[in-house]
N, C-alpha and C. Protein backbone atom coordinates (compact mmCIF):
# COMPACT_ATOMS: atom_id res chain seq x y z
N MET A 1 37.88 -110.00 -102.44
CA MET A 1 37.85 -109.26 -103.70
C MET A 1 36.50 -109.46 -104.37
N PRO A 2 35.77 -108.43 -104.52
CA PRO A 2 34.42 -108.56 -105.12
C PRO A 2 34.48 -108.74 -106.64
N ILE A 3 33.46 -109.46 -107.12
CA ILE A 3 33.28 -109.62 -108.57
C ILE A 3 32.08 -108.75 -108.96
N TYR A 4 32.30 -107.89 -109.91
CA TYR A 4 31.25 -106.97 -110.37
C TYR A 4 30.77 -107.39 -111.77
N GLU A 5 29.54 -107.15 -112.04
CA GLU A 5 28.94 -107.43 -113.34
C GLU A 5 28.83 -106.11 -114.09
N TYR A 6 29.17 -106.16 -115.39
CA TYR A 6 29.15 -104.97 -116.24
C TYR A 6 28.46 -105.32 -117.56
N ILE A 7 28.05 -104.26 -118.26
CA ILE A 7 27.54 -104.38 -119.60
C ILE A 7 28.22 -103.30 -120.44
N CYS A 8 28.63 -103.68 -121.63
CA CYS A 8 29.29 -102.72 -122.55
C CYS A 8 28.22 -101.90 -123.27
N ASN A 9 28.37 -100.59 -123.20
CA ASN A 9 27.43 -99.69 -123.87
C ASN A 9 27.60 -99.63 -125.36
N ASP A 10 28.76 -100.12 -125.89
CA ASP A 10 29.00 -100.10 -127.32
C ASP A 10 28.52 -101.36 -128.02
N CYS A 11 28.95 -102.57 -127.46
CA CYS A 11 28.62 -103.83 -128.15
C CYS A 11 27.50 -104.63 -127.45
N GLY A 12 27.15 -104.21 -126.20
CA GLY A 12 26.07 -104.88 -125.50
C GLY A 12 26.50 -106.16 -124.78
N GLN A 13 27.77 -106.52 -124.82
CA GLN A 13 28.26 -107.72 -124.15
C GLN A 13 28.21 -107.56 -122.64
N ALA A 14 27.67 -108.58 -121.94
CA ALA A 14 27.66 -108.60 -120.49
C ALA A 14 28.88 -109.41 -120.03
N PHE A 15 29.52 -108.97 -118.96
CA PHE A 15 30.71 -109.66 -118.46
C PHE A 15 30.90 -109.34 -116.99
N ASP A 16 31.71 -110.11 -116.30
CA ASP A 16 32.02 -109.79 -114.90
C ASP A 16 33.49 -109.61 -114.75
N LYS A 17 33.88 -108.88 -113.69
CA LYS A 17 35.28 -108.50 -113.49
C LYS A 17 35.59 -108.58 -112.00
N LEU A 18 36.71 -109.26 -111.68
CA LEU A 18 37.19 -109.33 -110.32
C LEU A 18 38.03 -108.10 -110.07
N LEU A 19 37.66 -107.30 -109.08
CA LEU A 19 38.39 -106.06 -108.80
C LEU A 19 39.01 -106.17 -107.40
N PHE A 20 40.11 -105.54 -107.21
CA PHE A 20 40.85 -105.56 -105.97
C PHE A 20 40.27 -104.62 -104.91
N SER A 21 39.47 -103.63 -105.35
CA SER A 21 38.90 -102.68 -104.40
C SER A 21 37.49 -102.33 -104.81
N ALA A 22 36.60 -102.26 -103.84
CA ALA A 22 35.23 -101.90 -104.14
C ALA A 22 35.12 -100.41 -104.44
N ALA A 23 36.12 -99.64 -104.03
CA ALA A 23 36.08 -98.17 -104.18
C ALA A 23 36.72 -97.74 -105.49
N THR A 24 37.11 -98.62 -106.38
CA THR A 24 37.79 -98.21 -107.63
C THR A 24 36.82 -97.38 -108.48
N THR A 25 37.33 -96.35 -109.07
CA THR A 25 36.54 -95.48 -109.96
C THR A 25 37.01 -95.60 -111.41
N ALA A 26 38.07 -96.40 -111.64
CA ALA A 26 38.59 -96.56 -113.00
C ALA A 26 37.56 -97.27 -113.86
N LYS A 27 37.47 -96.86 -115.11
CA LYS A 27 36.55 -97.50 -116.05
C LYS A 27 37.10 -98.88 -116.41
N VAL A 28 36.21 -99.86 -116.52
CA VAL A 28 36.55 -101.22 -116.84
C VAL A 28 36.35 -101.41 -118.35
N ALA A 29 37.36 -101.97 -119.03
CA ALA A 29 37.26 -102.18 -120.48
C ALA A 29 36.48 -103.49 -120.78
N CYS A 30 35.71 -103.46 -121.82
CA CYS A 30 35.00 -104.64 -122.28
C CYS A 30 35.98 -105.64 -122.88
N PRO A 31 35.92 -106.91 -122.43
CA PRO A 31 36.85 -107.90 -122.96
C PRO A 31 36.54 -108.29 -124.40
N HIS A 32 35.33 -107.99 -124.86
CA HIS A 32 34.90 -108.33 -126.21
C HIS A 32 35.38 -107.32 -127.27
N CYS A 33 35.14 -106.01 -126.98
CA CYS A 33 35.46 -105.00 -128.00
C CYS A 33 36.52 -104.01 -127.53
N GLY A 34 36.84 -104.01 -126.23
CA GLY A 34 37.84 -103.10 -125.69
C GLY A 34 37.34 -101.70 -125.30
N SER A 35 36.06 -101.47 -125.50
CA SER A 35 35.51 -100.14 -125.15
C SER A 35 35.52 -99.95 -123.62
N LYS A 36 35.75 -98.71 -123.21
CA LYS A 36 35.66 -98.39 -121.78
C LYS A 36 34.32 -97.77 -121.44
N LYS A 37 33.39 -97.80 -122.38
CA LYS A 37 32.02 -97.29 -122.11
C LYS A 37 31.23 -98.45 -121.54
N THR A 38 31.47 -98.74 -120.27
CA THR A 38 30.82 -99.84 -119.58
C THR A 38 30.02 -99.34 -118.39
N THR A 39 29.00 -100.05 -118.01
CA THR A 39 28.16 -99.71 -116.88
C THR A 39 28.10 -100.86 -115.91
N LYS A 40 28.32 -100.58 -114.62
CA LYS A 40 28.22 -101.60 -113.60
C LYS A 40 26.74 -101.95 -113.41
N GLN A 41 26.44 -103.25 -113.37
CA GLN A 41 25.06 -103.71 -113.22
C GLN A 41 24.75 -104.05 -111.76
N LEU A 42 23.49 -104.06 -111.44
CA LEU A 42 23.07 -104.46 -110.11
C LEU A 42 23.19 -106.00 -110.04
N SER A 43 23.97 -106.48 -109.11
CA SER A 43 24.16 -107.91 -108.96
C SER A 43 23.09 -108.53 -108.10
N THR A 44 22.71 -109.71 -108.47
CA THR A 44 21.72 -110.44 -107.66
C THR A 44 22.32 -111.76 -107.20
N ILE A 45 21.73 -112.32 -106.16
CA ILE A 45 22.22 -113.62 -105.68
C ILE A 45 21.58 -114.71 -106.49
N ASN A 46 22.24 -115.87 -106.52
CA ASN A 46 21.73 -117.02 -107.26
C ASN A 46 21.29 -118.07 -106.27
N VAL A 47 20.02 -118.36 -106.25
CA VAL A 47 19.44 -119.36 -105.33
C VAL A 47 19.21 -120.62 -106.12
N GLY A 48 19.77 -121.74 -105.66
CA GLY A 48 19.63 -123.03 -106.37
C GLY A 48 18.21 -123.53 -106.36
N SER A 49 17.91 -124.43 -107.30
CA SER A 49 16.61 -125.03 -107.46
C SER A 49 16.81 -126.45 -107.83
N SER A 50 15.91 -127.33 -107.40
CA SER A 50 16.00 -128.73 -107.79
C SER A 50 15.45 -128.96 -109.19
N THR A 51 14.69 -128.00 -109.73
CA THR A 51 14.16 -128.12 -111.07
C THR A 51 14.94 -127.21 -112.00
N PRO A 52 15.59 -127.79 -113.02
CA PRO A 52 16.36 -126.91 -113.92
C PRO A 52 15.47 -125.98 -114.68
N GLU A 53 15.93 -124.74 -114.85
CA GLU A 53 15.21 -123.72 -115.59
C GLU A 53 15.71 -123.71 -117.01
N PRO A 54 14.85 -123.47 -118.01
CA PRO A 54 15.33 -123.34 -119.39
C PRO A 54 16.22 -122.10 -119.51
N CYS A 55 17.24 -122.24 -120.26
CA CYS A 55 18.19 -121.13 -120.48
C CYS A 55 17.68 -120.35 -121.67
N LYS A 56 17.39 -119.06 -121.45
CA LYS A 56 16.85 -118.21 -122.52
C LYS A 56 17.95 -117.56 -123.33
N ALA A 57 19.22 -117.68 -122.85
CA ALA A 57 20.32 -117.01 -123.54
C ALA A 57 21.03 -117.92 -124.52
N CYS A 58 20.90 -119.23 -124.38
CA CYS A 58 21.61 -120.18 -125.24
C CYS A 58 20.98 -120.21 -126.63
N PRO A 59 21.81 -120.13 -127.65
CA PRO A 59 21.29 -120.24 -129.00
C PRO A 59 20.78 -121.64 -129.30
N ALA A 60 21.32 -122.66 -128.64
CA ALA A 60 20.93 -124.07 -128.89
C ALA A 60 20.87 -124.79 -127.55
N PRO A 61 19.73 -124.65 -126.78
CA PRO A 61 19.66 -125.35 -125.51
C PRO A 61 19.76 -126.86 -125.68
N GLY A 62 20.11 -127.51 -124.61
CA GLY A 62 20.26 -128.96 -124.63
C GLY A 62 18.96 -129.69 -124.94
N PRO A 63 19.01 -131.04 -125.01
CA PRO A 63 17.85 -131.81 -125.40
C PRO A 63 16.67 -131.67 -124.42
N THR A 64 16.91 -131.34 -123.17
CA THR A 64 15.85 -131.17 -122.20
C THR A 64 15.36 -129.74 -122.15
N GLY A 65 15.92 -128.84 -122.98
CA GLY A 65 15.52 -127.46 -122.98
C GLY A 65 16.32 -126.64 -121.97
N THR A 66 17.25 -127.29 -121.28
CA THR A 66 18.04 -126.57 -120.29
C THR A 66 19.38 -126.19 -120.86
N CYS A 67 20.05 -125.35 -120.17
CA CYS A 67 21.33 -124.85 -120.64
C CYS A 67 22.38 -126.00 -120.60
N PRO A 68 23.05 -126.26 -121.72
CA PRO A 68 24.07 -127.32 -121.74
C PRO A 68 25.29 -126.97 -120.84
N ALA A 69 25.43 -125.69 -120.47
CA ALA A 69 26.53 -125.30 -119.62
C ALA A 69 26.11 -125.25 -118.15
N GLY A 70 24.95 -125.76 -117.85
CA GLY A 70 24.49 -125.76 -116.45
C GLY A 70 24.10 -124.39 -115.96
N GLY A 71 23.69 -123.51 -116.85
CA GLY A 71 23.31 -122.16 -116.47
C GLY A 71 24.47 -121.19 -116.45
N MET A 72 25.68 -121.66 -116.75
CA MET A 72 26.84 -120.83 -116.71
C MET A 72 27.29 -120.46 -118.14
N CYS A 73 26.35 -119.91 -118.87
CA CYS A 73 26.61 -119.57 -120.28
C CYS A 73 27.66 -118.47 -120.38
N SER A 74 28.33 -118.45 -121.48
CA SER A 74 29.29 -117.40 -121.72
C SER A 74 28.61 -116.05 -121.96
N GLN A 75 27.30 -116.08 -122.21
CA GLN A 75 26.56 -114.86 -122.45
C GLN A 75 26.39 -114.06 -121.15
N PHE A 76 26.58 -114.67 -120.01
CA PHE A 76 26.36 -114.00 -118.72
C PHE A 76 27.62 -113.45 -118.17
């Protein structure tokens, strides 16, 4: 079952959704505002690094400037 990344065209919230079929054409509702005006995003792979990267999405990064959630922010 593939996981797809979406962005809401109304509120701008990014989210991902586990779908049972890659061929589904049904619109996915935004979990934040409920709008069905969503757009599937191009997914990229995540390659690990031994050096932590600063998180640009966190409103309050940790003391080392890295994401306190280990890069798994709720903003993604």
